[in-house]
Amino acid sequence: MSELIQQALTTFEKSLDRRLLASLEVCARCGICAESCHVFAAEPEFRNAPAAKAEAVRRFYRRLHDPIGRLFPWWVGAKDLREADLEELAEIAFGACTLCRRCTMNCPMGVDTALIMRAARAMLTAVGKAPEMLVQLADAAIAREENLEFFREFYIDQIRELERELQEQTGDPEARIPVEKAGAEILYVALSGAHTILPAAILFHAVGADWTLSMFEAANYGYFLADIQRAKAIARRIVDEARRLGVKEIILAECGHAYTVLRWEAPNWFDDFPFRVRSIIEVAAEWIQQGRLPLDPSANPEPVTYHDSCNLGRNGGLLEEPRIILRAVVQDFREMTPNRAENFCCGGGAGLVAVPEWYEKRMRAGHRKVEQIRRTGAQIVAASCDNCRLQLGDLSDYYGMGVQVSGLMDLVVKAYLAARRMEMAVPTASVPVSA
């Protein structure tokens, strides 16, 4: 056995907990999972069925752990893992599965194919077979903390430029985007780009929130690599910042995997986790229900449909909050079919959207989503995840759909600013002076 294979198998063995063992053992080969998979729907070949993808892992798992597989491998389809298999497995685990878990929702045995693919990703990352772009993005996030003093001045200068736009849009010359504000109640963690900072800043200003902007971005490409050490290092930057500033709550930008990492994974990684974690989607829905945001849905008159992010919706449970928002801020909201936990993946999740060489693959994988959108007749597709926004925009261009893709907070801000302009346009009634 080569050193590379030994390292791959050692990493795989570390992933073998009871959840993974159950998913490796209980598959009934019924094929129900195939119809639930957006990749199989786009290219209905056996190799694209979730059970077939998982079989690439089960073959060497049986060779190691199944008594019959050790003695009579041909009988149960067991096979030794070879170096040539790693390339094929990388194509499957990173390129043909977005870890969306729709197959798991529809599996009568509850087989978690995404968990199997994550174990494969972990071993592939350990032996240098992960997509180079994902590795570079993960390492760049870690390097930002290691060289924070180098980035700080440049970042704050960018925020001051953005602050002027905030003041212009709100009409308040005192409006601020605070950074590293000790004692703030909220630490807002955005993504790279003003499009995830400015809308949130407008809404925080609208409700008078006590907040501060994180020095770090919410994205965690270590999670896509299934590299727990990298993922923890990237998450630790935000956790340490939140502790240092003494915040009570971390609020995340519209990002599916960032929510998964910091809401569900990080509390298990760190002993001291004394703050709440929510998505800006949850917070905005709460403000709307509390009547804290004046809104004018006529600012968004076009037909709008909503794409449920796999990580936020099916895996994270945020299914109704986006709909609370949309019913309040648009005039014509149209559901896709199916929707909520049964919604199809956009085809660009789990880091696939960041890998240039797999562009055509993800365009094909997104075809079922294109069909869903077209059936609604919507002109705008609202998405609550930045990776989904990128993928949906690419799908619109690729298939000539002619739809606009928008974040939820962009729609909220349009409705809010329209309501504010309406309020300011209403003249104050004059009070007659008594004789």
Protein backbone atom coordinates (compact mmCIF):
# COMPACT_ATOMS: atom_id res chain seq x y z
CA MET A 1 0.00 0.00 0.00
CA SER A 2 1.44 3.38 -1.01
CA GLU A 3 2.00 6.17 1.50
CA LEU A 4 -0.63 8.30 -0.27
CA ILE A 5 -3.29 5.60 0.04
CA GLN A 6 -2.35 4.97 3.65
CA GLN A 7 -2.80 8.67 4.45
CA ALA A 8 -6.13 8.75 2.62
CA LEU A 9 -7.45 5.73 4.50
CA THR A 10 -6.19 7.01 7.84
CA THR A 11 -8.16 10.23 7.29
CA PHE A 12 -11.22 8.25 6.25
CA GLU A 13 -11.05 6.10 9.38
CA LYS A 14 -11.16 9.24 11.52
CA SER A 15 -14.52 10.08 9.95
CA LEU A 16 -16.09 6.73 10.83
CA ASP A 17 -18.63 7.54 13.53
CA ARG A 18 -22.00 5.85 14.03
CA ARG A 19 -23.79 8.22 11.65
CA LEU A 20 -21.40 7.48 8.80
CA LEU A 21 -21.35 3.76 9.54
CA ALA A 22 -25.16 3.63 9.37
CA SER A 23 -25.22 5.43 6.01
CA LEU A 24 -22.56 3.12 4.62
CA GLU A 25 -24.38 -0.02 5.78
CA VAL A 26 -28.12 0.46 5.35
CA CYS A 27 -28.55 1.45 1.68
CA ALA A 28 -31.20 -0.86 0.15
CA ARG A 29 -30.22 -0.01 -3.47
CA CYS A 30 -33.84 0.90 -4.16
CA GLY A 31 -32.96 3.82 -6.42
CA ILE A 32 -35.47 6.27 -4.94
CA CYS A 33 -32.62 8.70 -4.31
CA ALA A 34 -31.94 9.06 -8.03
CA GLU A 35 -35.17 10.94 -8.77
CA SER A 36 -34.52 13.35 -5.92
CA CYS A 37 -31.07 14.42 -7.21
CA HIS A 38 -30.74 17.51 -9.39
CA VAL A 39 -27.54 16.13 -10.95
CA PHE A 40 -29.29 12.90 -11.97
CA ALA A 41 -32.31 14.89 -13.22
CA ALA A 42 -30.02 16.85 -15.53
CA GLU A 43 -28.06 13.79 -16.69
CA PRO A 44 -30.03 10.61 -15.90
CA GLU A 45 -27.15 8.17 -15.93
CA PHE A 46 -26.54 5.59 -13.22
CA ARG A 47 -23.21 7.15 -12.21
CA ASN A 48 -25.09 10.32 -11.18
CA ALA A 49 -27.47 8.58 -8.77
CA PRO A 50 -26.61 9.31 -5.11
CA ALA A 51 -26.37 5.58 -4.36
CA ALA A 52 -23.83 5.17 -7.17
CA LYS A 53 -21.75 8.09 -5.91
CA ALA A 54 -21.73 6.63 -2.40
CA GLU A 55 -20.78 3.23 -3.81
CA ALA A 56 -17.38 4.66 -4.78
CA VAL A 57 -16.72 4.93 -1.02
CA ARG A 58 -18.55 1.77 0.01
CA ARG A 59 -16.30 -0.36 -2.24
CA PHE A 60 -13.14 0.30 -0.25
CA TYR A 61 -15.05 0.55 3.04
CA ARG A 62 -16.26 -3.05 2.55
CA ARG A 63 -12.75 -4.20 1.71
CA LEU A 64 -11.58 -2.89 5.07
CA HIS A 65 -14.54 -3.52 7.36
CA ASP A 66 -16.88 -6.15 5.90
CA PRO A 67 -15.85 -9.73 6.84
CA ILE A 68 -17.08 -11.03 3.48
CA GLY A 69 -15.43 -8.11 1.71
CA ARG A 70 -12.08 -9.03 3.24
CA LEU A 71 -12.37 -12.73 2.32
CA PHE A 72 -14.41 -12.68 -0.89
CA PRO A 73 -14.32 -9.08 -2.17
CA TRP A 74 -15.89 -9.99 -5.54
CA TRP A 75 -19.01 -11.25 -3.76
CA VAL A 76 -19.95 -7.87 -2.25
CA GLY A 77 -18.27 -5.55 -4.77
CA ALA A 78 -15.43 -4.70 -2.41
CA LYS A 79 -12.25 -3.26 -3.83
CA ASP A 80 -8.90 -2.00 -2.61
CA LEU A 81 -8.45 1.77 -2.91
CA ARG A 82 -5.85 2.67 -5.52
CA GLU A 83 -4.24 5.99 -6.39
CA ALA A 84 -6.10 6.05 -9.72
CA ASP A 85 -9.39 5.84 -7.78
CA LEU A 86 -8.64 9.11 -5.97
CA GLU A 87 -9.01 11.16 -9.16
CA GLU A 88 -12.37 9.57 -9.92
CA LEU A 89 -13.49 10.05 -6.33
CA ALA A 90 -12.54 13.77 -6.44
CA GLU A 91 -14.72 14.22 -9.51
CA ILE A 92 -17.61 12.55 -7.67
CA ALA A 93 -17.28 14.09 -4.21
CA PHE A 94 -16.46 17.65 -5.28
CA GLY A 95 -17.91 17.87 -8.77
CA ALA A 96 -21.02 15.70 -8.83
CA CYS A 97 -22.50 16.24 -5.34
CA THR A 98 -23.39 19.58 -3.76
CA LEU A 99 -24.11 17.99 -0.35
CA CYS A 100 -27.67 19.33 -0.61
CA ARG A 101 -29.22 16.33 1.22
CA ARG A 102 -32.37 16.21 -0.89
CA CYS A 103 -31.64 12.53 -1.47
CA THR A 104 -31.49 11.98 2.30
CA MET A 105 -34.90 13.65 2.72
CA ASN A 106 -36.36 11.17 0.24
CA CYS A 107 -34.47 8.03 1.26
CA PRO A 108 -36.70 5.49 3.10
CA MET A 109 -33.65 4.34 5.07
CA GLY A 110 -32.36 7.87 5.82
CA VAL A 111 -29.01 7.27 4.10
CA ASP A 112 -27.00 10.50 4.38
CA THR A 113 -25.09 10.52 1.10
CA ALA A 114 -23.78 14.02 1.85
CA LEU A 115 -22.10 12.65 4.98
CA ILE A 116 -20.42 9.96 2.89
CA MET A 117 -19.27 12.55 0.35
CA ARG A 118 -17.92 14.75 3.15
CA ALA A 119 -15.83 11.82 4.40
CA ALA A 120 -14.52 11.40 0.86
CA ARG A 121 -13.75 15.14 0.64
CA ALA A 122 -11.83 14.97 3.92
CA MET A 123 -9.57 12.17 2.72
CA LEU A 124 -9.07 13.80 -0.68
CA THR A 125 -8.12 17.11 0.92
CA ALA A 126 -5.65 15.31 3.16
CA VAL A 127 -3.81 13.87 0.14
CA GLY A 128 -3.87 17.00 -1.99
CA LYS A 129 -6.67 15.97 -4.33
CA ALA A 130 -9.14 18.75 -3.48
CA PRO A 131 -9.86 21.54 -6.00
CA GLU A 132 -7.01 24.03 -5.81
CA MET A 133 -9.32 27.05 -5.78
CA LEU A 134 -11.12 25.88 -2.62
CA VAL A 135 -7.79 25.29 -0.86
CA GLN A 136 -6.53 28.74 -1.85
CA LEU A 137 -9.70 30.45 -0.63
CA ALA A 138 -9.56 28.63 2.71
CA ASP A 139 -5.89 29.45 3.23
CA ALA A 140 -6.46 33.10 2.25
CA ALA A 141 -9.08 33.43 5.00
CA ILE A 142 -6.62 32.08 7.57
CA ALA A 143 -3.87 34.37 6.25
CA ARG A 144 -6.12 37.41 6.75
CA GLU A 145 -6.09 36.88 10.51
CA GLU A 146 -2.37 36.18 10.55
CA ASN A 147 -1.77 39.50 8.73
CA LEU A 148 -4.65 41.49 10.18
CA GLU A 149 -2.61 44.63 10.82
CA PHE A 150 -1.72 44.72 7.15
CA PHE A 151 -5.40 44.51 6.13
CA ARG A 152 -6.94 46.68 8.87
CA GLU A 153 -6.18 50.16 7.54
CA PHE A 154 -7.16 49.31 3.98
CA TYR A 155 -10.39 47.64 5.15
CA ILE A 156 -11.43 50.55 7.36
CA ASP A 157 -10.78 52.99 4.50
CA GLN A 158 -13.15 50.94 2.35
CA ILE A 159 -15.78 51.01 5.08
CA ARG A 160 -15.52 54.80 5.40
CA GLU A 161 -16.22 55.08 1.66
CA LEU A 162 -19.24 52.83 2.11
CA GLU A 163 -20.34 54.89 5.10
CA ARG A 164 -20.81 57.91 2.85
CA GLU A 165 -23.18 55.88 0.70
CA LEU A 166 -25.05 54.81 3.84
CA GLN A 167 -25.48 58.46 4.84
CA GLU A 168 -26.71 59.35 1.37
CA GLN A 169 -29.27 56.55 1.26
CA THR A 170 -30.58 57.11 4.78
CA GLY A 171 -30.45 60.91 4.60
CA ASP A 172 -28.63 60.90 7.94
CA PRO A 173 -25.15 62.49 7.97
CA GLU A 174 -24.55 60.85 11.36
CA ALA A 175 -25.14 57.28 10.12
CA ARG A 176 -22.15 55.04 10.78
CA ILE A 177 -20.76 51.60 10.02
CA PRO A 178 -18.92 50.85 13.28
CA VAL A 179 -15.91 48.54 13.20
CA GLU A 180 -14.33 46.88 16.26
CA LYS A 181 -16.78 48.59 18.61
CA ALA A 182 -16.28 47.08 22.05
CA GLY A 183 -19.45 46.39 24.02
CA ALA A 184 -21.77 46.37 21.01
CA GLU A 185 -24.71 43.98 21.30
CA ILE A 186 -24.35 42.62 17.75
CA LEU A 187 -21.36 41.52 15.70
CA TYR A 188 -22.42 41.50 12.05
CA VAL A 189 -20.32 39.19 9.88
CA ALA A 190 -20.61 40.01 6.18
CA LEU A 191 -19.15 38.48 3.05
CA SER A 192 -16.61 40.05 0.73
CA GLY A 193 -18.30 42.93 -1.07
CA ALA A 194 -20.42 45.96 -0.29
CA HIS A 195 -23.59 44.11 -1.37
CA THR A 196 -23.63 42.21 1.94
CA ILE A 197 -22.63 45.19 4.12
CA LEU A 198 -24.64 48.21 2.96
CA PRO A 199 -28.17 46.69 3.01
CA ALA A 200 -27.61 45.34 6.53
CA ALA A 201 -26.17 48.70 7.65
CA ILE A 202 -29.28 50.49 6.37
CA LEU A 203 -31.54 48.12 8.29
CA PHE A 204 -29.47 48.28 11.49
CA HIS A 205 -29.67 52.07 11.26
CA ALA A 206 -33.44 51.89 10.67
CA VAL A 207 -34.10 50.01 13.91
CA GLY A 208 -31.39 51.73 15.97
CA ALA A 209 -29.43 48.53 16.54
CA ASP A 210 -26.26 48.58 18.64
CA TRP A 211 -23.91 46.79 16.27
CA THR A 212 -20.41 46.53 14.92
CA LEU A 213 -19.02 45.08 11.70
CA SER A 214 -16.63 42.14 11.83
CA MET A 215 -13.12 42.45 10.43
CA PHE A 216 -13.60 39.00 8.88
CA GLU A 217 -15.85 37.51 6.23
CA ALA A 218 -18.43 34.83 6.99
CA ALA A 219 -17.39 32.41 4.22
CA ASN A 220 -15.65 29.23 5.38
CA TYR A 221 -14.12 27.23 2.54
CA GLY A 222 -12.50 24.87 5.02
CA TYR A 223 -16.00 23.51 5.53
CA PHE A 224 -16.35 22.78 1.81
CA LEU A 225 -13.05 20.90 1.96
CA ALA A 226 -14.35 18.88 4.94
CA ASP A 227 -11.10 19.91 6.61
CA ILE A 228 -12.10 20.38 10.23
CA GLN A 229 -8.81 22.00 11.24
CA ARG A 230 -9.05 24.63 8.51
CA ALA A 231 -12.76 25.15 9.16
CA LYS A 232 -12.17 25.64 12.89
CA ALA A 233 -9.30 28.05 12.26
CA ILE A 234 -11.52 30.18 10.01
CA ALA A 235 -14.45 30.09 12.45
CA ARG A 236 -12.15 30.82 15.41
CA ARG A 237 -11.33 34.28 14.00
CA ILE A 238 -14.95 35.32 14.38
CA VAL A 239 -15.48 33.58 17.71
CA ASP A 240 -12.38 35.24 19.19
CA GLU A 241 -13.45 38.63 17.84
CA ALA A 242 -16.92 38.23 19.35
CA ARG A 243 -15.41 37.31 22.72
CA ARG A 244 -12.95 40.21 22.60
CA LEU A 245 -15.66 42.76 21.81
CA GLY A 246 -18.08 41.28 24.34
CA VAL A 247 -21.05 41.03 21.96
CA LYS A 248 -24.24 39.19 22.84
CA GLU A 249 -25.09 38.00 19.35
CA ILE A 250 -23.44 37.16 16.04
CA ILE A 251 -25.59 37.97 13.02
CA LEU A 252 -24.50 36.49 9.70
CA ALA A 253 -24.96 37.80 6.18
CA GLU A 254 -27.07 35.86 3.69
CA CYS A 255 -24.81 32.82 3.38
CA GLY A 256 -25.89 29.20 3.63
CA HIS A 257 -22.71 27.42 4.61
CA ALA A 258 -21.60 30.22 6.98
CA TYR A 259 -24.87 29.69 8.87
CA THR A 260 -24.27 25.94 9.00
CA VAL A 261 -20.75 26.42 10.36
CA LEU A 262 -21.35 29.08 13.00
CA ARG A 263 -24.90 28.16 14.02
CA TRP A 264 -24.64 24.38 14.13
CA GLU A 265 -20.98 23.31 14.06
CA ALA A 266 -18.98 25.96 15.93
CA PRO A 267 -20.81 25.60 19.29
CA ASN A 268 -19.52 22.01 19.33
CA TRP A 269 -15.98 23.05 18.42
CA PHE A 270 -15.37 25.69 21.08
CA ASP A 271 -15.80 25.35 24.84
CA ASP A 272 -16.58 29.04 25.37
CA PHE A 273 -19.42 30.11 23.07
CA PRO A 274 -21.38 32.70 25.07
CA PHE A 275 -23.40 34.31 22.31
CA ARG A 276 -26.37 33.65 20.09
CA VAL A 277 -25.93 33.10 16.34
CA ARG A 278 -28.60 34.07 13.83
CA SER A 279 -28.92 34.89 10.17
CA ILE A 280 -29.85 38.42 9.10
CA ILE A 281 -32.89 36.70 7.57
CA GLU A 282 -34.18 35.64 10.98
CA VAL A 283 -33.54 39.09 12.40
CA ALA A 284 -35.25 40.94 9.53
CA ALA A 285 -38.28 38.65 9.76
CA GLU A 286 -38.50 39.37 13.48
CA TRP A 287 -38.29 43.13 12.93
CA ILE A 288 -41.05 42.92 10.34
CA GLN A 289 -43.31 40.96 12.68
CA GLN A 290 -42.62 43.49 15.44
CA GLY A 291 -43.53 46.37 13.13
CA ARG A 292 -40.11 47.99 13.50
CA LEU A 293 -39.60 48.50 9.75
CA PRO A 294 -41.98 50.65 7.68
CA LEU A 295 -42.29 48.90 4.34
CA ASP A 296 -43.83 49.73 0.98
CA PRO A 297 -44.19 46.55 -1.12
CA SER A 298 -45.08 48.64 -4.19
CA ALA A 299 -41.35 49.32 -4.45
CA ASN A 300 -41.06 45.69 -5.63
CA PRO A 301 -43.96 45.32 -8.09
CA GLU A 302 -42.43 42.59 -10.28
CA PRO A 303 -43.36 38.92 -9.83
CA VAL A 304 -40.83 37.42 -7.39
CA THR A 305 -40.05 33.79 -6.62
CA TYR A 306 -37.80 32.43 -3.89
CA HIS A 307 -35.02 29.85 -4.06
CA ASP A 308 -34.61 27.94 -0.79
CA SER A 309 -30.91 27.61 0.00
CA CYS A 310 -30.09 24.00 0.90
CA ASN A 311 -27.97 24.94 3.91
CA LEU A 312 -30.36 27.58 5.24
CA GLY A 313 -33.58 25.78 4.40
CA ARG A 314 -33.40 21.99 4.18
CA ASN A 315 -30.37 21.68 6.49
CA GLY A 316 -30.79 24.78 8.66
CA GLY A 317 -34.55 25.06 9.17
CA LEU A 318 -35.01 28.64 7.90
CA LEU A 319 -38.05 27.96 5.76
CA GLU A 320 -40.76 30.39 6.88
CA GLU A 321 -38.62 33.43 7.75
CA PRO A 322 -37.81 34.25 4.09
CA ARG A 323 -41.51 34.03 3.27
CA ILE A 324 -42.46 36.35 6.13
CA ILE A 325 -40.05 38.84 4.56
CA LEU A 326 -41.22 38.41 0.97
CA ARG A 327 -44.91 38.68 1.74
CA ALA A 328 -44.17 42.01 3.43
CA VAL A 329 -41.86 43.56 0.83
CA VAL A 330 -43.08 42.43 -2.63
CA GLN A 331 -46.47 42.70 -4.31
CA ASP A 332 -46.45 39.42 -6.25
CA PHE A 333 -44.71 36.50 -4.53
CA ARG A 334 -44.85 33.17 -6.37
CA GLU A 335 -43.70 29.86 -4.93
CA MET A 336 -41.64 27.37 -6.90
CA THR A 337 -42.81 23.77 -7.03
CA PRO A 338 -41.52 21.94 -5.05
CA ASN A 339 -40.35 24.34 -2.35
CA ARG A 340 -39.09 24.59 1.21
CA ALA A 341 -37.33 21.38 2.33
CA GLU A 342 -38.15 19.68 -0.99
CA ASN A 343 -36.75 22.47 -3.14
CA PHE A 344 -34.08 21.49 -5.64
CA CYS A 345 -30.48 22.65 -5.20
CA CYS A 346 -29.38 25.42 -7.58
CA GLY A 347 -26.45 23.23 -8.66
CA GLY A 348 -23.64 25.44 -7.41
CA GLY A 349 -23.48 24.58 -3.72
CA ALA A 350 -20.70 23.10 -1.56
CA GLY A 351 -18.05 25.22 -3.26
CA LEU A 352 -18.80 24.11 -6.82
CA VAL A 353 -19.58 27.68 -7.89
CA ALA A 354 -16.00 28.70 -7.04
CA VAL A 355 -14.28 26.08 -9.22
CA PRO A 356 -13.85 27.52 -12.75
CA GLU A 357 -13.14 24.22 -14.49
CA TRP A 358 -16.51 22.83 -13.44
CA TYR A 359 -18.61 25.66 -14.92
CA GLU A 360 -20.28 23.48 -17.55
CA LYS A 361 -20.94 20.77 -14.99
CA ARG A 362 -22.78 23.12 -12.66
CA MET A 363 -24.71 24.68 -15.54
CA ARG A 364 -26.02 21.23 -16.46
CA ALA A 365 -26.72 20.42 -12.82
CA GLY A 366 -28.80 23.60 -12.49
CA HIS A 367 -31.22 22.72 -15.29
CA ARG A 368 -33.94 21.46 -12.93
CA LYS A 369 -33.75 24.78 -11.09
CA VAL A 370 -34.12 26.65 -14.40
CA GLU A 371 -37.31 24.66 -15.10
CA GLN A 372 -38.67 25.53 -11.65
CA ILE A 373 -38.05 29.23 -12.11
CA ARG A 374 -39.53 29.36 -15.59
CA ARG A 375 -42.76 27.72 -14.41
CA THR A 376 -43.34 30.56 -11.94
CA GLY A 377 -43.16 33.28 -14.59
CA ALA A 378 -41.22 35.40 -12.08
CA GLN A 379 -39.00 38.25 -13.21
CA ILE A 380 -36.95 38.27 -10.01
CA VAL A 381 -35.49 35.30 -8.15
CA ALA A 382 -34.76 36.06 -4.51
CA ALA A 383 -31.95 34.05 -2.95
CA SER A 384 -30.77 34.00 0.65
CA CYS A 385 -27.26 32.69 -0.05
CA ASP A 386 -24.43 34.39 -1.95
CA ASN A 387 -23.29 31.20 -3.67
CA CYS A 388 -26.87 30.62 -4.83
CA ARG A 389 -27.03 34.19 -6.14
CA LEU A 390 -23.90 33.64 -8.22
CA GLN A 391 -25.14 30.32 -9.56
CA LEU A 392 -28.63 31.61 -10.36
CA GLY A 393 -27.18 34.61 -12.16
CA ASP A 394 -24.96 32.32 -14.23
CA LEU A 395 -27.92 30.05 -14.98
CA SER A 396 -29.97 33.03 -16.16
CA ASP A 397 -27.21 34.05 -18.57
CA TYR A 398 -26.46 30.50 -19.72
CA TYR A 399 -30.07 29.54 -20.43
CA GLY A 400 -31.26 33.00 -21.54
CA MET A 401 -33.84 33.21 -18.75
CA GLY A 402 -33.73 36.99 -18.49
CA VAL A 403 -34.44 37.00 -14.76
CA GLN A 404 -32.90 39.28 -12.16
CA VAL A 405 -31.37 37.67 -9.08
CA SER A 406 -31.66 39.55 -5.80
CA GLY A 407 -30.78 39.06 -2.17
CA LEU A 408 -33.60 39.20 0.35
CA MET A 409 -32.11 42.20 2.12
CA ASP A 410 -31.93 44.15 -1.15
CA LEU A 411 -35.69 43.76 -1.51
CA VAL A 412 -36.26 44.73 2.14
CA VAL A 413 -34.14 47.86 1.74
CA LYS A 414 -36.02 48.92 -1.41
CA ALA A 415 -39.36 48.56 0.41
CA TYR A 416 -38.02 50.34 3.49
CA LEU A 417 -36.52 53.32 1.64
CA ALA A 418 -39.70 53.69 -0.42
CA ALA A 419 -41.78 53.76 2.77
CA ARG A 420 -39.44 56.35 4.28
CA ARG A 421 -39.71 58.58 1.22
CA MET A 422 -43.49 58.30 1.42
CA GLU A 423 -43.45 59.28 5.09
CA MET A 424 -41.27 62.29 4.41
CA ALA A 425 -43.47 63.38 1.51
CA VAL A 426 -46.59 63.57 3.71
CA PRO A 427 -46.87 67.14 5.02
CA THR A 428 -47.36 67.63 8.73
CA ALA A 429 -50.86 68.94 9.46
CA SER A 430 -50.81 72.52 10.79
CA VAL A 431 -52.33 73.08 14.20
CA PRO A 432 -54.66 76.15 14.36
CA VAL A 433 -53.78 78.68 17.03
CA SER A 434 -56.68 79.37 19.39
CA ALA A 435 -57.85 82.97 19.76
